[in-house]
Amino acid sequence: FCGMKKITTILLLSGLFFACKRQAGDDRATTAEKLKKTMTNFLYTSTKSDSTQVKYHVLDVTFYEGADEYDCEFKVELKEGHIDTTGTMVAKISKDLSKVTRRY
């Protein structure tokens, strides 16, 4: 009976651990999508380029979550006419996603 109690406890704790881990991963994926949308919006509203001619596509983001902001590195594809290039942009984005400070 005592062995069965230990097994039940271990199974419950491991289930809780994996459930928390899965949820944390989902939150990180959701945050990444929000950061990509925020950066895309920033690129279209902050540039003086004609948005009918210049197209941005944020392909990927790597980020660190700080206390007040996200420190991000974006992989961005730029298309303008016949020019097609992919590069890296680095920016800090506030936690509420309202302020983007691009470093390069």
N, C-alpha and C. Protein backbone atom coordinates (compact mmCIF):
# COMPACT_ATOMS: atom_id res chain seq x y z
N PHE A 1 0.83 -1.20 0.00
CA PHE A 1 0.00 0.00 0.00
C PHE A 1 0.87 1.26 0.00
N CYS A 2 1.94 1.26 0.75
CA CYS A 2 2.83 2.42 0.84
C CYS A 2 3.54 2.67 -0.49
N GLY A 3 3.93 1.58 -1.17
CA GLY A 3 4.58 1.70 -2.48
C GLY A 3 3.64 2.29 -3.52
N MET A 4 2.37 1.92 -3.45
CA MET A 4 1.38 2.43 -4.38
C MET A 4 1.16 3.93 -4.16
N LYS A 5 1.22 4.38 -2.92
CA LYS A 5 1.06 5.78 -2.59
C LYS A 5 2.21 6.61 -3.17
N LYS A 6 3.43 6.07 -3.08
CA LYS A 6 4.60 6.76 -3.64
C LYS A 6 4.49 6.87 -5.15
N ILE A 7 4.07 5.78 -5.80
CA ILE A 7 3.93 5.79 -7.26
C ILE A 7 2.89 6.81 -7.68
N THR A 8 1.77 6.86 -6.99
CA THR A 8 0.71 7.82 -7.30
C THR A 8 1.22 9.25 -7.13
N THR A 9 1.94 9.50 -6.05
CA THR A 9 2.50 10.83 -5.80
C THR A 9 3.49 11.23 -6.91
N ILE A 10 4.35 10.32 -7.29
CA ILE A 10 5.33 10.58 -8.35
C ILE A 10 4.63 10.88 -9.67
N LEU A 11 3.62 10.10 -10.00
CA LEU A 11 2.88 10.33 -11.25
C LEU A 11 2.17 11.68 -11.24
N LEU A 12 1.57 12.04 -10.13
CA LEU A 12 0.90 13.34 -10.04
C LEU A 12 1.88 14.49 -10.17
N LEU A 13 3.01 14.39 -9.49
CA LEU A 13 4.02 15.46 -9.55
C LEU A 13 4.63 15.57 -10.95
N SER A 14 4.91 14.44 -11.58
CA SER A 14 5.48 14.49 -12.93
C SER A 14 4.46 15.06 -13.92
N GLY A 15 3.18 14.72 -13.74
CA GLY A 15 2.14 15.28 -14.61
C GLY A 15 2.04 16.78 -14.45
N LEU A 16 2.14 17.25 -13.21
CA LEU A 16 2.10 18.69 -12.94
C LEU A 16 3.32 19.38 -13.54
N PHE A 17 4.48 18.76 -13.42
CA PHE A 17 5.71 19.33 -13.98
C PHE A 17 5.59 19.49 -15.49
N PHE A 18 5.16 18.45 -16.19
CA PHE A 18 5.05 18.51 -17.64
C PHE A 18 3.94 19.45 -18.09
N ALA A 19 2.88 19.56 -17.34
CA ALA A 19 1.80 20.49 -17.68
C ALA A 19 2.29 21.93 -17.57
N CYS A 20 3.05 22.24 -16.53
CA CYS A 20 3.59 23.58 -16.36
C CYS A 20 4.62 23.88 -17.45
N LYS A 21 5.44 22.93 -17.78
CA LYS A 21 6.45 23.13 -18.79
C LYS A 21 5.82 23.39 -20.16
N ARG A 22 4.78 22.65 -20.49
CA ARG A 22 4.09 22.82 -21.76
C ARG A 22 3.45 24.21 -21.83
N GLN A 23 2.82 24.65 -20.75
CA GLN A 23 2.17 25.94 -20.72
C GLN A 23 3.20 27.07 -20.87
N ALA A 24 4.33 26.94 -20.23
CA ALA A 24 5.37 27.95 -20.34
C ALA A 24 5.86 28.06 -21.77
N GLY A 25 6.01 26.94 -22.46
CA GLY A 25 6.42 26.95 -23.85
C GLY A 25 5.39 27.61 -24.74
N ASP A 26 4.10 27.35 -24.47
CA ASP A 26 3.03 27.98 -25.23
C ASP A 26 3.05 29.49 -25.02
N ASP A 27 3.27 29.94 -23.79
CA ASP A 27 3.34 31.37 -23.51
C ASP A 27 4.51 32.00 -24.26
N ARG A 28 5.61 31.33 -24.33
CA ARG A 28 6.78 31.85 -25.04
C ARG A 28 6.49 31.96 -26.54
N ALA A 29 5.81 30.98 -27.10
CA ALA A 29 5.46 31.02 -28.52
C ALA A 29 4.48 32.16 -28.80
N THR A 30 3.53 32.37 -27.90
CA THR A 30 2.57 33.46 -28.04
C THR A 30 3.28 34.81 -27.96
N THR A 31 4.20 34.94 -27.02
CA THR A 31 4.97 36.17 -26.88
C THR A 31 5.80 36.43 -28.14
N ALA A 32 6.41 35.40 -28.69
CA ALA A 32 7.20 35.55 -29.91
C ALA A 32 6.33 36.07 -31.06
N GLU A 33 5.13 35.53 -31.20
CA GLU A 33 4.22 35.99 -32.26
C GLU A 33 3.83 37.45 -32.05
N LYS A 34 3.57 37.84 -30.81
CA LYS A 34 3.22 39.22 -30.52
C LYS A 34 4.39 40.16 -30.82
N LEU A 35 5.60 39.73 -30.49
CA LEU A 35 6.78 40.54 -30.78
C LEU A 35 6.99 40.70 -32.28
N LYS A 36 6.77 39.62 -33.03
CA LYS A 36 6.91 39.69 -34.49
C LYS A 36 5.89 40.65 -35.09
N LYS A 37 4.65 40.61 -34.61
CA LYS A 37 3.61 41.53 -35.10
C LYS A 37 3.95 42.98 -34.74
N THR A 38 4.44 43.19 -33.52
CA THR A 38 4.82 44.53 -33.09
C THR A 38 5.94 45.09 -33.95
N MET A 39 6.95 44.27 -34.24
CA MET A 39 8.06 44.72 -35.07
C MET A 39 7.60 45.00 -36.49
N THR A 40 6.75 44.16 -37.03
CA THR A 40 6.22 44.38 -38.39
C THR A 40 5.49 45.71 -38.45
N ASN A 41 4.63 45.96 -37.48
CA ASN A 41 3.90 47.23 -37.43
C ASN A 41 4.87 48.41 -37.32
N PHE A 42 5.87 48.27 -36.48
CA PHE A 42 6.88 49.32 -36.32
C PHE A 42 7.59 49.62 -37.64
N LEU A 43 7.97 48.58 -38.36
CA LEU A 43 8.69 48.78 -39.62
C LEU A 43 7.84 49.52 -40.65
N TYR A 44 6.57 49.19 -40.72
CA TYR A 44 5.70 49.86 -41.68
C TYR A 44 5.35 51.29 -41.27
N THR A 45 5.24 51.56 -39.98
CA THR A 45 4.85 52.91 -39.55
C THR A 45 6.03 53.85 -39.34
N SER A 46 7.21 53.32 -39.12
CA SER A 46 8.35 54.19 -38.81
C SER A 46 9.17 54.57 -40.04
N THR A 47 9.04 53.82 -41.11
CA THR A 47 9.83 54.14 -42.30
C THR A 47 9.10 55.14 -43.17
N LYS A 48 9.85 55.81 -43.97
CA LYS A 48 9.27 56.79 -44.87
C LYS A 48 9.10 56.19 -46.27
N SER A 49 9.25 54.88 -46.36
CA SER A 49 9.11 54.20 -47.64
C SER A 49 7.64 53.99 -47.97
N ASP A 50 7.36 53.88 -49.25
CA ASP A 50 6.01 53.60 -49.74
C ASP A 50 5.69 52.14 -49.45
N SER A 51 4.71 51.89 -48.59
CA SER A 51 4.39 50.52 -48.18
C SER A 51 3.80 49.68 -49.31
N THR A 52 3.43 50.33 -50.41
CA THR A 52 2.97 49.54 -51.57
C THR A 52 4.16 49.00 -52.34
N GLN A 53 5.33 49.60 -52.15
CA GLN A 53 6.54 49.18 -52.85
C GLN A 53 7.48 48.35 -51.99
N VAL A 54 7.52 48.64 -50.70
CA VAL A 54 8.43 47.96 -49.78
C VAL A 54 7.62 47.00 -48.91
N LYS A 55 8.07 45.75 -48.84
CA LYS A 55 7.38 44.74 -48.02
C LYS A 55 8.36 44.16 -47.00
N TYR A 56 7.92 44.10 -45.77
CA TYR A 56 8.70 43.49 -44.69
C TYR A 56 8.01 42.21 -44.26
N HIS A 57 8.81 41.20 -43.97
CA HIS A 57 8.28 39.96 -43.42
C HIS A 57 9.22 39.52 -42.30
N VAL A 58 8.74 39.59 -41.06
CA VAL A 58 9.54 39.17 -39.92
C VAL A 58 9.48 37.65 -39.86
N LEU A 59 10.60 37.00 -40.13
CA LEU A 59 10.66 35.55 -40.23
C LEU A 59 10.79 34.87 -38.87
N ASP A 60 11.59 35.47 -37.99
CA ASP A 60 11.90 34.80 -36.72
C ASP A 60 12.30 35.84 -35.69
N VAL A 61 12.14 35.49 -34.43
CA VAL A 61 12.59 36.35 -33.35
C VAL A 61 13.22 35.49 -32.26
N THR A 62 14.32 36.00 -31.73
CA THR A 62 14.95 35.43 -30.54
C THR A 62 14.91 36.55 -29.51
N PHE A 63 14.43 36.24 -28.31
CA PHE A 63 14.28 37.32 -27.34
C PHE A 63 14.62 36.87 -25.93
N TYR A 64 14.99 37.89 -25.14
CA TYR A 64 15.23 37.72 -23.72
C TYR A 64 14.22 38.62 -23.00
N GLU A 65 13.52 38.07 -22.04
CA GLU A 65 12.52 38.85 -21.30
C GLU A 65 13.16 39.44 -20.06
N GLY A 66 13.31 40.76 -20.07
CA GLY A 66 13.85 41.47 -18.92
C GLY A 66 12.73 41.92 -18.00
N ALA A 67 13.06 42.74 -17.02
CA ALA A 67 12.06 43.20 -16.06
C ALA A 67 11.06 44.17 -16.69
N ASP A 68 11.56 45.07 -17.57
CA ASP A 68 10.70 46.11 -18.14
C ASP A 68 10.50 45.99 -19.65
N GLU A 69 11.32 45.16 -20.30
CA GLU A 69 11.26 45.11 -21.76
C GLU A 69 11.77 43.78 -22.28
N TYR A 70 11.55 43.57 -23.57
CA TYR A 70 12.08 42.41 -24.26
C TYR A 70 13.27 42.87 -25.09
N ASP A 71 14.36 42.16 -25.00
CA ASP A 71 15.54 42.43 -25.81
C ASP A 71 15.48 41.43 -26.97
N CYS A 72 15.28 41.92 -28.19
CA CYS A 72 14.95 41.05 -29.33
C CYS A 72 15.95 41.14 -30.47
N GLU A 73 16.09 40.03 -31.16
CA GLU A 73 16.84 39.97 -32.41
C GLU A 73 15.91 39.34 -33.44
N PHE A 74 15.64 40.09 -34.51
CA PHE A 74 14.69 39.66 -35.53
C PHE A 74 15.41 39.30 -36.82
N LYS A 75 14.93 38.28 -37.48
CA LYS A 75 15.37 37.95 -38.83
C LYS A 75 14.26 38.48 -39.75
N VAL A 76 14.61 39.45 -40.61
CA VAL A 76 13.62 40.16 -41.41
C VAL A 76 13.95 40.05 -42.89
N GLU A 77 12.92 39.77 -43.67
CA GLU A 77 13.05 39.75 -45.13
C GLU A 77 12.49 41.06 -45.65
N LEU A 78 13.23 41.71 -46.55
CA LEU A 78 12.83 42.97 -47.15
C LEU A 78 12.73 42.77 -48.66
N LYS A 79 11.60 43.18 -49.22
CA LYS A 79 11.41 43.13 -50.67
C LYS A 79 11.03 44.52 -51.15
N GLU A 80 11.77 44.99 -52.16
CA GLU A 80 11.48 46.28 -52.77
C GLU A 80 11.75 46.14 -54.26
N GLY A 81 10.68 46.13 -55.03
CA GLY A 81 10.83 45.93 -56.46
C GLY A 81 11.46 44.58 -56.74
N HIS A 82 12.61 44.61 -57.40
CA HIS A 82 13.33 43.37 -57.73
C HIS A 82 14.37 43.01 -56.67
N ILE A 83 14.51 43.84 -55.66
CA ILE A 83 15.48 43.59 -54.59
C ILE A 83 14.83 42.74 -53.52
N ASP A 84 15.53 41.70 -53.10
CA ASP A 84 15.04 40.78 -52.07
C ASP A 84 16.23 40.45 -51.17
N THR A 85 16.14 40.83 -49.90
CA THR A 85 17.25 40.58 -48.99
C THR A 85 16.74 40.18 -47.62
N THR A 86 17.54 39.47 -46.89
CA THR A 86 17.21 39.06 -45.52
C THR A 86 18.33 39.51 -44.60
N GLY A 87 17.95 40.08 -43.46
CA GLY A 87 18.95 40.57 -42.53
C GLY A 87 18.49 40.48 -41.10
N THR A 88 19.32 40.98 -40.21
CA THR A 88 19.05 40.95 -38.78
C THR A 88 18.79 42.36 -38.28
N MET A 89 17.77 42.50 -37.45
CA MET A 89 17.47 43.77 -36.79
C MET A 89 17.38 43.49 -35.30
N VAL A 90 17.91 44.41 -34.50
CA VAL A 90 17.89 44.27 -33.05
C VAL A 90 17.10 45.43 -32.47
N ALA A 91 16.21 45.12 -31.53
CA ALA A 91 15.38 46.16 -30.93
C ALA A 91 15.01 45.77 -29.51
N LYS A 92 14.64 46.79 -28.75
CA LYS A 92 14.06 46.58 -27.42
C LYS A 92 12.60 46.96 -27.53
N ILE A 93 11.72 46.12 -26.96
CA ILE A 93 10.29 46.36 -27.00
C ILE A 93 9.77 46.34 -25.57
N SER A 94 8.99 47.37 -25.23
CA SER A 94 8.44 47.45 -23.88
C SER A 94 7.50 46.28 -23.61
N LYS A 95 7.33 45.95 -22.34
CA LYS A 95 6.49 44.81 -21.95
C LYS A 95 5.06 44.94 -22.45
N ASP A 96 4.54 46.18 -22.54
CA ASP A 96 3.17 46.35 -23.02
C ASP A 96 3.10 46.46 -24.54
N LEU A 97 4.25 46.27 -25.20
CA LEU A 97 4.38 46.25 -26.66
C LEU A 97 4.06 47.60 -27.31
N SER A 98 4.12 48.68 -26.55
CA SER A 98 3.76 49.99 -27.10
C SER A 98 4.97 50.79 -27.60
N LYS A 99 6.17 50.43 -27.18
CA LYS A 99 7.35 51.21 -27.56
C LYS A 99 8.43 50.28 -28.11
N VAL A 100 8.92 50.62 -29.31
CA VAL A 100 9.98 49.87 -29.95
C VAL A 100 11.18 50.80 -30.10
N THR A 101 12.34 50.36 -29.62
CA THR A 101 13.57 51.11 -29.78
C THR A 101 14.52 50.24 -30.57
N ARG A 102 14.69 50.58 -31.84
CA ARG A 102 15.54 49.78 -32.71
C ARG A 102 16.98 50.21 -32.56
N ARG A 103 17.87 49.24 -32.36
CA ARG A 103 19.29 49.53 -32.22
C ARG A 103 20.00 49.45 -33.55
N TYR A 104 19.67 48.45 -34.37
CA TYR A 104 20.17 48.35 -35.74
C TYR A 104 19.36 47.36 -36.49
